[in-house]
Amino acid sequence: MKLYQVRKGQFVYYNNELHKVYGVKHMYKLSVHLLKLRDLSQHITNAASVEKYIPKELDSFIFNHKAYTLINNRKPEAGDYILINNPDPDTLDHYSLNDIEVVEKVDKNGIITSDADGIKHNEYLLMVPGRAPDGRPIDYQDMANIEEDNFDEAGQITYGELSAKLGDIYKNKESDSLFEAMVVAIKGQTVYLGGGLGLSQEELMDTNKWEFQFNPFDNSDS
């Protein structure tokens, strides 16, 4: 893809796996910031290395270690996940393309999510747990040579690899001032940043709090 075609929220394939674009930094060579849907790990690459995919009804994929199928034939219930595939937000709303949110309330006009967004029923697809018999797995762009175990019906797949690597630089998105720190040590499931700050893997992978910038020692995507 060309860089001008890459947009925040798009589903894309990178290294044959399904990701979501969560940021585009036009001034950097490695300008496309990605979130791998199956385990929510963060990655960074260039526009030429990704290919866009538009999610559709009956597509199925693993999100945060669990399999879901997109459907549009029933109303959601409180606690369900939705994929906002047709966003039409009002002025005060802050959701965008392919956001995944949790349903809190449902009425005839739409839903209220746990993020306090009001979303009309024509703006989303419901994410039903599991693989529908007539669903289309979209976890991989090229399905050849993919192990069947990667399509566990319940999606209960364990990925034990720590996503952060020594040298990774992260920016804190909750800080009032610019705060960036490098991963200087990893012990078990704890990641230590410069300055002695220790975080769990789960917290560091939360894209609402931390954003991966680059690794000055990693030339794999250049």
N, C-alpha and C. Protein backbone atom coordinates (compact mmCIF):
# COMPACT_ATOMS: atom_id res chain seq x y z
N MET A 1 0.84 -1.20 0.00
CA MET A 1 0.00 0.00 0.00
C MET A 1 0.87 1.24 0.00
N LYS A 2 0.32 2.33 -0.51
CA LYS A 2 0.98 3.62 -0.40
C LYS A 2 0.64 4.23 0.96
N LEU A 3 1.57 5.03 1.48
CA LEU A 3 1.37 5.57 2.83
C LEU A 3 0.10 6.40 2.92
N TYR A 4 -0.23 7.16 1.87
CA TYR A 4 -1.41 8.01 1.94
C TYR A 4 -2.70 7.19 1.97
N GLN A 5 -2.63 5.90 1.64
CA GLN A 5 -3.81 5.04 1.68
C GLN A 5 -4.01 4.38 3.05
N VAL A 6 -3.01 4.44 3.90
CA VAL A 6 -3.09 3.80 5.21
C VAL A 6 -3.80 4.73 6.18
N ARG A 7 -4.83 4.22 6.84
CA ARG A 7 -5.63 5.01 7.77
C ARG A 7 -5.73 4.30 9.11
N LYS A 8 -5.81 5.10 10.17
CA LYS A 8 -6.02 4.54 11.50
C LYS A 8 -7.32 3.76 11.52
N GLY A 9 -7.28 2.57 12.10
CA GLY A 9 -8.45 1.73 12.22
C GLY A 9 -8.56 0.65 11.18
N GLN A 10 -7.85 0.77 10.06
CA GLN A 10 -7.95 -0.24 9.02
C GLN A 10 -7.46 -1.60 9.51
N PHE A 11 -8.11 -2.67 9.07
CA PHE A 11 -7.58 -4.01 9.21
C PHE A 11 -6.60 -4.24 8.07
N VAL A 12 -5.44 -4.78 8.39
CA VAL A 12 -4.43 -5.06 7.38
C VAL A 12 -3.77 -6.39 7.69
N TYR A 13 -3.18 -6.97 6.66
CA TYR A 13 -2.33 -8.14 6.85
C TYR A 13 -0.87 -7.69 6.86
N TYR A 14 -0.15 -8.18 7.86
CA TYR A 14 1.29 -7.91 7.98
C TYR A 14 1.96 -9.21 8.41
N ASN A 15 2.98 -9.62 7.69
CA ASN A 15 3.61 -10.93 7.94
C ASN A 15 2.57 -12.04 7.94
N ASN A 16 1.59 -11.92 7.06
CA ASN A 16 0.54 -12.92 6.83
C ASN A 16 -0.52 -12.96 7.93
N GLU A 17 -0.42 -12.12 8.96
CA GLU A 17 -1.38 -12.15 10.05
C GLU A 17 -2.21 -10.88 10.12
N LEU A 18 -3.42 -11.01 10.66
CA LEU A 18 -4.36 -9.90 10.73
C LEU A 18 -3.98 -8.92 11.83
N HIS A 19 -3.90 -7.66 11.45
CA HIS A 19 -3.57 -6.57 12.38
C HIS A 19 -4.56 -5.42 12.18
N LYS A 20 -4.50 -4.48 13.12
CA LYS A 20 -5.26 -3.24 13.00
C LYS A 20 -4.29 -2.07 13.09
N VAL A 21 -4.47 -1.09 12.22
CA VAL A 21 -3.64 0.12 12.26
C VAL A 21 -4.12 1.00 13.41
N TYR A 22 -3.24 1.32 14.36
CA TYR A 22 -3.64 2.22 15.43
C TYR A 22 -2.91 3.55 15.38
N GLY A 23 -2.03 3.73 14.40
CA GLY A 23 -1.37 5.01 14.25
C GLY A 23 -0.54 5.06 12.98
N VAL A 24 -0.44 6.24 12.38
CA VAL A 24 0.41 6.46 11.21
C VAL A 24 1.27 7.67 11.49
N LYS A 25 2.58 7.47 11.51
CA LYS A 25 3.53 8.54 11.78
C LYS A 25 4.26 8.88 10.48
N HIS A 26 3.77 9.86 9.77
CA HIS A 26 4.24 10.14 8.42
C HIS A 26 5.71 10.55 8.37
N MET A 27 6.24 11.06 9.46
CA MET A 27 7.62 11.57 9.40
C MET A 27 8.68 10.48 9.57
N TYR A 28 8.26 9.26 9.90
CA TYR A 28 9.23 8.19 10.14
C TYR A 28 9.27 7.21 8.97
N LYS A 29 10.43 6.57 8.77
CA LYS A 29 10.55 5.55 7.74
C LYS A 29 9.64 4.36 8.05
N LEU A 30 9.65 3.92 9.30
CA LEU A 30 8.74 2.87 9.76
C LEU A 30 7.53 3.59 10.34
N SER A 31 6.56 3.90 9.50
CA SER A 31 5.52 4.86 9.84
C SER A 31 4.20 4.25 10.27
N VAL A 32 4.01 2.94 10.08
CA VAL A 32 2.72 2.32 10.34
C VAL A 32 2.78 1.53 11.64
N HIS A 33 1.97 1.92 12.61
CA HIS A 33 1.92 1.26 13.92
C HIS A 33 0.72 0.31 13.95
N LEU A 34 0.97 -0.92 14.34
CA LEU A 34 -0.03 -1.98 14.23
C LEU A 34 -0.30 -2.65 15.57
N LEU A 35 -1.50 -3.20 15.68
CA LEU A 35 -1.91 -4.02 16.81
C LEU A 35 -2.32 -5.38 16.25
N LYS A 36 -1.59 -6.44 16.64
CA LYS A 36 -1.96 -7.77 16.17
C LYS A 36 -3.21 -8.21 16.94
N LEU A 37 -4.27 -8.54 16.22
CA LEU A 37 -5.54 -8.79 16.87
C LEU A 37 -5.52 -10.03 17.75
N ARG A 38 -4.77 -11.06 17.39
CA ARG A 38 -4.85 -12.31 18.14
C ARG A 38 -4.30 -12.19 19.55
N ASP A 39 -3.30 -11.32 19.76
CA ASP A 39 -2.71 -11.22 21.10
C ASP A 39 -2.49 -9.79 21.58
N LEU A 40 -2.92 -8.80 20.78
CA LEU A 40 -2.84 -7.38 21.12
C LEU A 40 -1.40 -6.88 21.26
N SER A 41 -0.45 -7.59 20.66
CA SER A 41 0.92 -7.10 20.67
C SER A 41 1.08 -5.98 19.65
N GLN A 42 2.03 -5.07 19.90
CA GLN A 42 2.24 -3.91 19.04
C GLN A 42 3.43 -4.13 18.12
N HIS A 43 3.30 -3.63 16.89
CA HIS A 43 4.34 -3.79 15.89
C HIS A 43 4.44 -2.51 15.06
N ILE A 44 5.55 -2.34 14.39
CA ILE A 44 5.76 -1.15 13.58
C ILE A 44 6.43 -1.56 12.28
N THR A 45 5.97 -0.97 11.17
CA THR A 45 6.50 -1.33 9.86
C THR A 45 6.28 -0.17 8.90
N ASN A 46 6.40 -0.46 7.60
CA ASN A 46 6.14 0.58 6.60
C ASN A 46 4.90 0.22 5.78
N ALA A 47 4.42 1.17 5.01
CA ALA A 47 3.16 0.98 4.27
C ALA A 47 3.28 -0.12 3.22
N ALA A 48 4.46 -0.29 2.65
CA ALA A 48 4.63 -1.29 1.60
C ALA A 48 4.50 -2.71 2.13
N SER A 49 4.57 -2.89 3.45
CA SER A 49 4.55 -4.24 4.03
C SER A 49 3.17 -4.68 4.49
N VAL A 50 2.14 -3.84 4.28
CA VAL A 50 0.80 -4.20 4.72
C VAL A 50 -0.17 -4.20 3.55
N GLU A 51 -1.25 -4.97 3.70
CA GLU A 51 -2.30 -5.01 2.68
C GLU A 51 -3.65 -4.92 3.38
N LYS A 52 -4.49 -4.01 2.92
CA LYS A 52 -5.77 -3.73 3.58
C LYS A 52 -6.76 -4.87 3.42
N TYR A 53 -7.57 -5.06 4.47
CA TYR A 53 -8.68 -6.01 4.41
C TYR A 53 -9.91 -5.36 5.05
N ILE A 54 -11.06 -5.46 4.40
CA ILE A 54 -12.31 -4.90 4.94
C ILE A 54 -13.12 -6.03 5.56
N PRO A 55 -13.32 -6.03 6.88
CA PRO A 55 -14.05 -7.11 7.55
C PRO A 55 -15.51 -7.12 7.14
N LYS A 56 -16.08 -8.34 7.03
CA LYS A 56 -17.45 -8.52 6.57
C LYS A 56 -18.18 -9.49 7.49
N GLU A 57 -19.51 -9.50 7.36
CA GLU A 57 -20.32 -10.45 8.11
C GLU A 57 -19.88 -11.87 7.82
N LEU A 58 -19.81 -12.69 8.87
CA LEU A 58 -19.40 -14.09 8.87
C LEU A 58 -17.88 -14.27 8.82
N ASP A 59 -17.11 -13.19 8.79
CA ASP A 59 -15.67 -13.32 9.01
C ASP A 59 -15.44 -13.75 10.46
N SER A 60 -14.44 -14.58 10.68
CA SER A 60 -14.07 -14.96 12.04
C SER A 60 -12.58 -14.77 12.24
N PHE A 61 -12.21 -14.38 13.46
CA PHE A 61 -10.81 -14.14 13.77
C PHE A 61 -10.60 -14.21 15.28
N ILE A 62 -9.36 -14.37 15.68
CA ILE A 62 -9.02 -14.41 17.09
C ILE A 62 -8.69 -13.01 17.56
N PHE A 63 -9.38 -12.57 18.60
CA PHE A 63 -9.14 -11.27 19.23
C PHE A 63 -8.79 -11.51 20.70
N ASN A 64 -7.59 -11.11 21.07
CA ASN A 64 -7.14 -11.26 22.46
C ASN A 64 -7.28 -12.71 22.94
N HIS A 65 -6.77 -13.64 22.10
CA HIS A 65 -6.69 -15.07 22.42
C HIS A 65 -8.01 -15.82 22.32
N LYS A 66 -9.11 -15.18 21.88
CA LYS A 66 -10.39 -15.86 21.76
C LYS A 66 -10.97 -15.64 20.37
N ALA A 67 -11.62 -16.68 19.82
CA ALA A 67 -12.19 -16.60 18.48
C ALA A 67 -13.58 -15.98 18.50
N TYR A 68 -13.86 -15.14 17.50
CA TYR A 68 -15.16 -14.51 17.35
C TYR A 68 -15.58 -14.57 15.88
N THR A 69 -16.90 -14.56 15.65
CA THR A 69 -17.46 -14.46 14.30
C THR A 69 -18.32 -13.21 14.23
N LEU A 70 -18.19 -12.46 13.14
CA LEU A 70 -18.97 -11.24 12.94
C LEU A 70 -20.34 -11.60 12.37
N ILE A 71 -21.40 -11.16 13.04
CA ILE A 71 -22.75 -11.42 12.53
C ILE A 71 -23.58 -10.14 12.59
N ASN A 72 -24.70 -10.17 11.87
CA ASN A 72 -25.56 -8.98 11.80
C ASN A 72 -27.03 -9.37 11.85
N ASN A 73 -27.32 -10.53 12.46
CA ASN A 73 -28.70 -11.02 12.44
C ASN A 73 -29.34 -11.08 13.83
N ARG A 74 -28.72 -10.48 14.82
CA ARG A 74 -29.37 -10.36 16.12
C ARG A 74 -28.81 -9.18 16.88
N LYS A 75 -29.58 -8.67 17.81
CA LYS A 75 -29.16 -7.53 18.62
C LYS A 75 -28.19 -8.00 19.70
N PRO A 76 -27.24 -7.16 20.06
CA PRO A 76 -26.30 -7.52 21.12
C PRO A 76 -26.95 -7.46 22.49
N GLU A 77 -26.25 -8.01 23.46
CA GLU A 77 -26.65 -7.94 24.86
C GLU A 77 -25.50 -7.33 25.65
N ALA A 78 -25.80 -6.88 26.86
CA ALA A 78 -24.77 -6.29 27.72
C ALA A 78 -23.62 -7.28 27.90
N GLY A 79 -22.41 -6.79 27.74
CA GLY A 79 -21.23 -7.62 27.87
C GLY A 79 -20.67 -8.12 26.55
N ASP A 80 -21.46 -8.02 25.45
CA ASP A 80 -20.98 -8.46 24.14
C ASP A 80 -19.96 -7.47 23.58
N TYR A 81 -19.11 -7.98 22.70
CA TYR A 81 -18.21 -7.13 21.92
C TYR A 81 -18.87 -6.77 20.59
N ILE A 82 -18.59 -5.55 20.12
CA ILE A 82 -19.01 -5.15 18.78
C ILE A 82 -17.80 -4.60 18.03
N LEU A 83 -17.83 -4.72 16.70
CA LEU A 83 -16.84 -4.12 15.82
C LEU A 83 -17.53 -3.01 15.06
N ILE A 84 -17.07 -1.78 15.22
CA ILE A 84 -17.70 -0.63 14.57
C ILE A 84 -17.15 -0.52 13.15
N ASN A 85 -17.87 -1.09 12.20
CA ASN A 85 -17.39 -1.16 10.82
C ASN A 85 -17.97 -0.06 9.93
N ASN A 86 -18.97 0.66 10.43
CA ASN A 86 -19.61 1.72 9.63
C ASN A 86 -19.83 2.96 10.49
N PRO A 87 -18.75 3.56 11.00
CA PRO A 87 -18.89 4.63 11.99
C PRO A 87 -19.52 5.90 11.43
N ASP A 88 -20.46 6.45 12.21
CA ASP A 88 -21.10 7.73 11.88
C ASP A 88 -21.30 8.49 13.18
N PRO A 89 -20.19 8.86 13.83
CA PRO A 89 -20.29 9.45 15.18
C PRO A 89 -20.87 10.86 15.17
N ASP A 90 -21.58 11.20 16.24
CA ASP A 90 -22.01 12.57 16.46
C ASP A 90 -20.83 13.41 16.94
N THR A 91 -21.05 14.68 17.08
CA THR A 91 -19.96 15.61 17.41
C THR A 91 -19.23 15.24 18.69
N LEU A 92 -19.95 14.80 19.71
CA LEU A 92 -19.35 14.52 21.01
C LEU A 92 -18.85 13.09 21.16
N ASP A 93 -19.11 12.24 20.17
CA ASP A 93 -18.63 10.86 20.24
C ASP A 93 -17.16 10.79 19.81
N HIS A 94 -16.47 9.75 20.26
CA HIS A 94 -15.04 9.66 19.96
C HIS A 94 -14.64 8.28 19.42
N TYR A 95 -15.60 7.50 18.95
CA TYR A 95 -15.24 6.21 18.36
C TYR A 95 -14.91 6.38 16.88
N SER A 96 -14.25 5.37 16.31
CA SER A 96 -13.81 5.47 14.91
C SER A 96 -13.81 4.09 14.26
N LEU A 97 -13.36 4.02 13.03
CA LEU A 97 -13.42 2.81 12.22
C LEU A 97 -12.77 1.62 12.92
N ASN A 98 -13.52 0.51 12.95
CA ASN A 98 -13.05 -0.78 13.46
C ASN A 98 -12.66 -0.75 14.93
N ASP A 99 -13.17 0.22 15.68
CA ASP A 99 -13.02 0.15 17.13
C ASP A 99 -13.79 -1.06 17.64
N ILE A 100 -13.25 -1.72 18.63
CA ILE A 100 -13.92 -2.84 19.29
C ILE A 100 -14.31 -2.38 20.70
N GLU A 101 -15.61 -2.39 20.98
CA GLU A 101 -16.10 -1.89 22.26
C GLU A 101 -17.03 -2.91 22.91
N VAL A 102 -17.23 -2.74 24.21
CA VAL A 102 -18.08 -3.63 24.99
C VAL A 102 -19.45 -2.97 25.19
N VAL A 103 -20.51 -3.73 24.93
CA VAL A 103 -21.88 -3.22 25.06
C VAL A 103 -22.26 -3.09 26.53
N GLU A 104 -22.86 -1.97 26.89
CA GLU A 104 -23.34 -1.77 28.26
C GLU A 104 -24.87 -1.73 28.32
N LYS A 105 -25.50 -1.01 27.38
CA LYS A 105 -26.95 -0.92 27.33
C LYS A 105 -27.42 -1.02 25.89
N VAL A 106 -28.63 -1.55 25.69
CA VAL A 106 -29.20 -1.70 24.35
C VAL A 106 -30.63 -1.18 24.36
N ASP A 107 -31.01 -0.40 23.32
CA ASP A 107 -32.40 -0.03 23.12
C ASP A 107 -32.72 -0.09 21.64
N LYS A 108 -33.92 0.32 21.24
CA LYS A 108 -34.35 0.18 19.85
C LYS A 108 -33.56 1.07 18.90
N ASN A 109 -32.97 2.14 19.42
CA ASN A 109 -32.24 3.09 18.56
C ASN A 109 -30.76 2.76 18.41
N GLY A 110 -30.22 2.01 19.35
CA GLY A 110 -28.80 1.71 19.31
C GLY A 110 -28.31 1.17 20.63
N ILE A 111 -27.00 1.35 20.86
CA ILE A 111 -26.40 0.84 22.09
C ILE A 111 -25.55 1.92 22.75
N ILE A 112 -25.32 1.73 24.03
CA ILE A 112 -24.34 2.52 24.78
C ILE A 112 -23.22 1.57 25.17
N THR A 113 -21.99 1.96 24.91
CA THR A 113 -20.86 1.10 25.23
C THR A 113 -20.27 1.46 26.58
N SER A 114 -19.35 0.64 27.03
CA SER A 114 -18.68 0.90 28.31
C SER A 114 -17.81 2.15 28.25
N ASP A 115 -17.51 2.63 27.04
CA ASP A 115 -16.78 3.89 26.88
C ASP A 115 -17.72 5.08 26.74
N ALA A 116 -19.01 4.85 27.01
CA ALA A 116 -20.04 5.90 26.98
C ALA A 116 -20.31 6.42 25.57
N ASP A 117 -20.02 5.61 24.55
CA ASP A 117 -20.35 5.98 23.18
C ASP A 117 -21.76 5.52 22.85
N GLY A 118 -22.52 6.36 22.16
CA GLY A 118 -23.82 5.99 21.65
C GLY A 118 -23.69 5.60 20.19
N ILE A 119 -24.01 4.35 19.86
CA ILE A 119 -23.76 3.81 18.53
C ILE A 119 -25.06 3.25 17.96
N LYS A 120 -25.40 3.67 16.75
CA LYS A 120 -26.63 3.20 16.09
C LYS A 120 -26.45 1.76 15.60
N HIS A 121 -27.56 1.06 15.44
CA HIS A 121 -27.50 -0.36 15.11
C HIS A 121 -26.90 -0.64 13.73
N ASN A 122 -26.90 0.35 12.84
CA ASN A 122 -26.33 0.13 11.51
C ASN A 122 -24.84 0.45 11.43
N GLU A 123 -24.23 0.73 12.58
CA GLU A 123 -22.83 1.13 12.58
C GLU A 123 -21.87 0.00 12.96
N TYR A 124 -22.39 -1.16 13.35
CA TYR A 124 -21.50 -2.18 13.91
C TYR A 124 -21.90 -3.57 13.46
N LEU A 125 -20.96 -4.51 13.67
CA LEU A 125 -21.22 -5.93 13.57
C LEU A 125 -21.00 -6.54 14.95
N LEU A 126 -21.84 -7.49 15.31
CA LEU A 126 -21.72 -8.16 16.60
C LEU A 126 -20.63 -9.22 16.53
N MET A 127 -19.79 -9.29 17.55
CA MET A 127 -18.74 -10.29 17.64
C MET A 127 -19.23 -11.43 18.54
N VAL A 128 -19.64 -12.55 17.91
CA VAL A 128 -20.16 -13.69 18.65
C VAL A 128 -19.01 -14.64 18.96
N PRO A 129 -18.85 -15.07 20.21
CA PRO A 129 -17.74 -15.97 20.55
C PRO A 129 -17.79 -17.27 19.77
N GLY A 130 -16.63 -17.74 19.33
CA GLY A 130 -16.52 -19.00 18.61
C GLY A 130 -16.51 -18.83 17.10
N ARG A 131 -16.29 -19.96 16.41
CA ARG A 131 -16.27 -19.99 14.95
C ARG A 131 -17.61 -20.50 14.44
N ALA A 132 -18.33 -19.69 13.66
CA ALA A 132 -19.58 -20.14 13.06
C ALA A 132 -19.28 -21.19 11.99
N PRO A 133 -20.14 -22.22 11.86
CA PRO A 133 -19.90 -23.28 10.87
C PRO A 133 -19.74 -22.74 9.45
N ASP A 134 -20.48 -21.66 9.12
CA ASP A 134 -20.40 -21.09 7.78
C ASP A 134 -19.52 -19.84 7.75
N GLY A 135 -18.69 -19.66 8.78
CA GLY A 135 -17.83 -18.49 8.85
C GLY A 135 -16.57 -18.63 8.00
N ARG A 136 -15.91 -17.51 7.77
CA ARG A 136 -14.67 -17.46 7.00
C ARG A 136 -13.53 -17.01 7.91
N PRO A 137 -12.61 -17.89 8.27
CA PRO A 137 -11.46 -17.46 9.07
C PRO A 137 -10.60 -16.47 8.28
N ILE A 138 -10.29 -15.33 8.90
CA ILE A 138 -9.48 -14.30 8.23
C ILE A 138 -8.20 -14.01 9.01
N ASP A 139 -7.84 -14.90 9.93
CA ASP A 139 -6.66 -14.68 10.76
C ASP A 139 -5.39 -14.56 9.92
N TYR A 140 -5.35 -15.28 8.79
CA TYR A 140 -4.17 -15.30 7.93
C TYR A 140 -4.57 -14.96 6.50
N GLN A 141 -3.71 -14.20 5.83
CA GLN A 141 -3.97 -13.85 4.43
C GLN A 141 -3.78 -15.06 3.52
N ASP A 142 -2.73 -15.83 3.78
CA ASP A 142 -2.44 -17.05 3.02
C ASP A 142 -2.64 -18.22 3.96
N MET A 143 -3.68 -19.01 3.72
CA MET A 143 -4.03 -20.09 4.63
C MET A 143 -3.18 -21.34 4.42
N ALA A 144 -2.41 -21.37 3.34
CA ALA A 144 -1.60 -22.56 3.05
C ALA A 144 -0.57 -22.78 4.15
N ASN A 145 -0.42 -24.04 4.56
CA ASN A 145 0.59 -24.46 5.54
C ASN A 145 0.33 -23.92 6.96
N ILE A 146 -0.88 -23.43 7.20
CA ILE A 146 -1.23 -22.97 8.55
C ILE A 146 -1.75 -24.16 9.35
N GLU A 147 -1.20 -24.37 10.53
CA GLU A 147 -1.60 -25.50 11.36
C GLU A 147 -3.06 -25.34 11.80
N GLU A 148 -3.80 -26.45 11.78
CA GLU A 148 -5.21 -26.41 12.16
C GLU A 148 -5.39 -25.98 13.60
N ASP A 149 -4.40 -26.22 14.45
CA ASP A 149 -4.51 -25.84 15.85
C ASP A 149 -4.64 -24.32 16.01
N ASN A 150 -4.23 -23.56 14.99
CA ASN A 150 -4.33 -22.11 15.08
C ASN A 150 -5.76 -21.63 14.95
N PHE A 151 -6.72 -22.54 14.68
CA PHE A 151 -8.11 -22.17 14.52
C PHE A 151 -8.97 -22.87 15.56
N ASP A 152 -8.49 -22.87 16.77
CA ASP A 152 -9.21 -23.47 17.89
C ASP A 152 -10.63 -22.89 17.96
N GLU A 153 -11.65 -23.76 18.06
CA GLU A 153 -13.04 -23.32 18.00
C GLU A 153 -13.37 -22.30 19.10
N ALA A 154 -12.82 -22.53 20.29
CA ALA A 154 -13.11 -21.60 21.38
C ALA A 154 -12.11 -20.47 21.44
N GLY A 155 -11.08 -20.57 20.64
CA GLY A 155 -10.08 -19.51 20.64
C GLY A 155 -9.20 -19.51 21.86
N GLN A 156 -9.21 -20.57 22.63
CA GLN A 156 -8.43 -20.60 23.86
C GLN A 156 -6.98 -21.00 23.53
N ILE A 157 -6.27 -20.08 22.96
CA ILE A 157 -4.89 -20.33 22.55
C ILE A 157 -3.95 -19.51 23.42
N THR A 158 -2.91 -20.12 23.90
CA THR A 158 -1.97 -19.43 24.78
C THR A 158 -0.74 -18.99 24.00
N TYR A 159 -0.44 -17.75 24.06
CA TYR A 159 0.76 -17.21 23.43
C TYR A 159 1.67 -16.70 24.54
N GLY A 160 2.70 -17.42 24.82
CA GLY A 160 3.52 -17.11 25.97
C GLY A 160 4.66 -16.14 25.70
N GLU A 161 4.89 -15.81 24.42
CA GLU A 161 6.02 -14.96 24.10
C GLU A 161 5.74 -13.52 24.54
N LEU A 162 6.72 -12.91 25.17
CA LEU A 162 6.62 -11.52 25.56
C LEU A 162 6.85 -10.65 24.35
N SER A 163 5.95 -9.73 24.08
CA SER A 163 6.04 -8.93 22.87
C SER A 163 7.16 -7.89 22.94
N ALA A 164 7.36 -7.30 24.11
CA ALA A 164 8.39 -6.27 24.25
C ALA A 164 9.78 -6.88 24.13
N LYS A 165 10.71 -6.12 23.53
CA LYS A 165 12.10 -6.55 23.40
C LYS A 165 13.00 -5.49 24.00
N LEU A 166 14.18 -5.91 24.40
CA LEU A 166 15.16 -4.96 24.90
C LEU A 166 15.44 -3.90 23.84
N GLY A 167 15.41 -2.65 24.24
CA GLY A 167 15.65 -1.55 23.31
C GLY A 167 14.38 -0.90 22.79
N ASP A 168 13.22 -1.58 22.93
CA ASP A 168 11.97 -0.96 22.49
C ASP A 168 11.72 0.34 23.24
N ILE A 169 11.27 1.36 22.52
CA ILE A 169 10.96 2.65 23.13
C ILE A 169 9.46 2.87 23.08
N TYR A 170 8.87 3.18 24.23
CA TYR A 170 7.43 3.42 24.34
C TYR A 170 7.18 4.85 24.83
N LYS A 171 6.08 5.41 24.34
CA LYS A 171 5.63 6.73 24.79
C LYS A 171 4.41 6.58 25.69
N ASN A 172 4.42 7.27 26.83
CA ASN A 172 3.28 7.24 27.74
C ASN A 172 2.23 8.24 27.25
N LYS A 173 1.04 7.74 26.88
CA LYS A 173 0.00 8.58 26.32
C LYS A 173 -0.83 9.29 27.40
N GLU A 174 -0.64 8.91 28.66
CA GLU A 174 -1.41 9.52 29.75
C GLU A 174 -0.66 10.67 30.41
N SER A 175 0.61 10.84 30.05
CA SER A 175 1.43 11.90 30.66
C SER A 175 1.11 13.25 30.03
N ASP A 176 1.06 14.30 30.85
CA ASP A 176 0.81 15.65 30.35
C ASP A 176 1.99 16.18 29.53
N SER A 177 3.17 15.69 29.82
CA SER A 177 4.35 16.07 29.06
C SER A 177 4.89 14.85 28.32
N LEU A 178 5.73 15.09 27.32
CA LEU A 178 6.27 13.99 26.54
C LEU A 178 7.12 13.09 27.43
N PHE A 179 6.75 11.83 27.50
CA PHE A 179 7.50 10.87 28.31
C PHE A 179 7.72 9.61 27.50
N GLU A 180 8.96 9.37 27.12
CA GLU A 180 9.33 8.17 26.40
C GLU A 180 10.38 7.43 27.21
N ALA A 181 10.33 6.09 27.15
CA ALA A 181 11.27 5.29 27.93
C ALA A 181 11.62 4.02 27.15
N MET A 182 12.84 3.53 27.38
CA MET A 182 13.32 2.33 26.70
C MET A 182 13.21 1.12 27.60
N VAL A 183 12.89 -0.03 27.00
CA VAL A 183 12.89 -1.29 27.73
C VAL A 183 14.35 -1.68 28.00
N VAL A 184 14.71 -1.75 29.28
CA VAL A 184 16.10 -2.03 29.64
C VAL A 184 16.28 -3.42 30.26
N ALA A 185 15.17 -4.04 30.67
CA ALA A 185 15.27 -5.38 31.24
C ALA A 185 13.90 -6.05 31.20
N ILE A 186 13.90 -7.38 31.10
CA ILE A 186 12.68 -8.18 31.12
C ILE A 186 12.90 -9.36 32.05
N LYS A 187 12.03 -9.49 33.03
CA LYS A 187 12.13 -10.60 33.97
C LYS A 187 10.76 -11.22 34.13
N GLY A 188 10.62 -12.45 33.63
CA GLY A 188 9.31 -13.09 33.66
C GLY A 188 8.32 -12.30 32.84
N GLN A 189 7.20 -11.94 33.46
CA GLN A 189 6.17 -11.14 32.78
C GLN A 189 6.27 -9.66 33.12
N THR A 190 7.38 -9.24 33.72
CA THR A 190 7.57 -7.84 34.09
C THR A 190 8.58 -7.19 33.15
N VAL A 191 8.23 -6.01 32.66
CA VAL A 191 9.10 -5.24 31.77
C VAL A 191 9.59 -4.02 32.54
N TYR A 192 10.90 -3.78 32.52
CA TYR A 192 11.48 -2.65 33.23
C TYR A 192 11.92 -1.60 32.22
N LEU A 193 11.44 -0.37 32.44
CA LEU A 193 11.80 0.75 31.57
C LEU A 193 12.90 1.58 32.23
N GLY A 194 13.58 2.37 31.40
CA GLY A 194 14.62 3.25 31.92
C GLY A 194 14.07 4.15 33.02
N GLY A 195 14.81 4.30 34.10
CA GLY A 195 14.35 5.06 35.25
C GLY A 195 13.82 4.19 36.36
N GLY A 196 13.81 2.84 36.11
CA GLY A 196 13.42 1.91 37.16
C GLY A 196 11.95 1.58 37.20
N LEU A 197 11.16 2.04 36.22
CA LEU A 197 9.73 1.75 36.21
C LEU A 197 9.48 0.33 35.74
N GLY A 198 8.77 -0.46 36.55
CA GLY A 198 8.42 -1.83 36.21
C GLY A 198 6.94 -1.96 35.90
N LEU A 199 6.61 -2.59 34.76
CA LEU A 199 5.23 -2.75 34.34
C LEU A 199 4.97 -4.20 33.96
N SER A 200 3.72 -4.63 34.08
CA SER A 200 3.35 -5.93 33.56
C SER A 200 3.26 -5.84 32.04
N GLN A 201 3.41 -7.00 31.39
CA GLN A 201 3.24 -7.04 29.94
C GLN A 201 1.87 -6.50 29.54
N GLU A 202 0.82 -6.89 30.26
CA GLU A 202 -0.53 -6.48 29.92
C GLU A 202 -0.68 -4.96 29.93
N GLU A 203 -0.09 -4.30 30.94
CA GLU A 203 -0.21 -2.85 31.03
C GLU A 203 0.56 -2.17 29.91
N LEU A 204 1.77 -2.66 29.60
CA LEU A 204 2.57 -2.04 28.55
C LEU A 204 1.92 -2.21 27.18
N MET A 205 1.16 -3.31 26.98
CA MET A 205 0.50 -3.55 25.70
C MET A 205 -0.84 -2.83 25.57
N ASP A 206 -1.25 -2.08 26.61
CA ASP A 206 -2.50 -1.33 26.56
C ASP A 206 -2.27 -0.07 25.74
N THR A 207 -2.83 -0.03 24.52
CA THR A 207 -2.56 1.09 23.61
C THR A 207 -3.23 2.38 24.05
N ASN A 208 -4.11 2.34 25.05
CA ASN A 208 -4.65 3.57 25.60
C ASN A 208 -3.66 4.26 26.53
N LYS A 209 -2.66 3.49 27.00
CA LYS A 209 -1.69 4.03 27.95
C LYS A 209 -0.30 4.19 27.34
N TRP A 210 0.12 3.21 26.52
CA TRP A 210 1.47 3.21 25.98
C TRP A 210 1.45 3.01 24.47
N GLU A 211 2.34 3.68 23.78
CA GLU A 211 2.43 3.54 22.33
C GLU A 211 3.87 3.23 21.94
N PHE A 212 4.06 2.10 21.25
CA PHE A 212 5.38 1.71 20.78
C PHE A 212 5.88 2.72 19.75
N GLN A 213 7.14 3.14 19.87
CA GLN A 213 7.72 4.11 18.95
C GLN A 213 8.66 3.45 17.94
N PHE A 214 9.75 2.88 18.42
CA PHE A 214 10.71 2.19 17.56
C PHE A 214 11.73 1.48 18.43
N ASN A 215 12.54 0.66 17.79
CA ASN A 215 13.67 0.02 18.46
C ASN A 215 14.93 0.37 17.68
N PRO A 216 15.84 1.17 18.23
CA PRO A 216 17.00 1.63 17.47
C PRO A 216 17.94 0.49 17.09
N PHE A 217 17.77 -0.69 17.70
CA PHE A 217 18.68 -1.82 17.41
C PHE A 217 18.05 -2.83 16.46
N ASP A 218 16.80 -2.58 16.04
CA ASP A 218 16.07 -3.56 15.22
C ASP A 218 16.01 -3.06 13.78
N ASN A 219 16.64 -3.76 12.89
CA ASN A 219 16.64 -3.39 11.49
C ASN A 219 15.82 -4.34 10.63
N SER A 220 15.00 -5.19 11.28
CA SER A 220 14.30 -6.22 10.55
C SER A 220 13.26 -5.68 9.58
N ASP A 221 12.69 -4.46 9.84
CA ASP A 221 11.65 -3.93 8.98
C ASP A 221 12.16 -2.85 8.04
N SER A 222 13.44 -2.58 8.06
CA SER A 222 13.97 -1.51 7.24
C SER A 222 14.21 -1.98 5.84
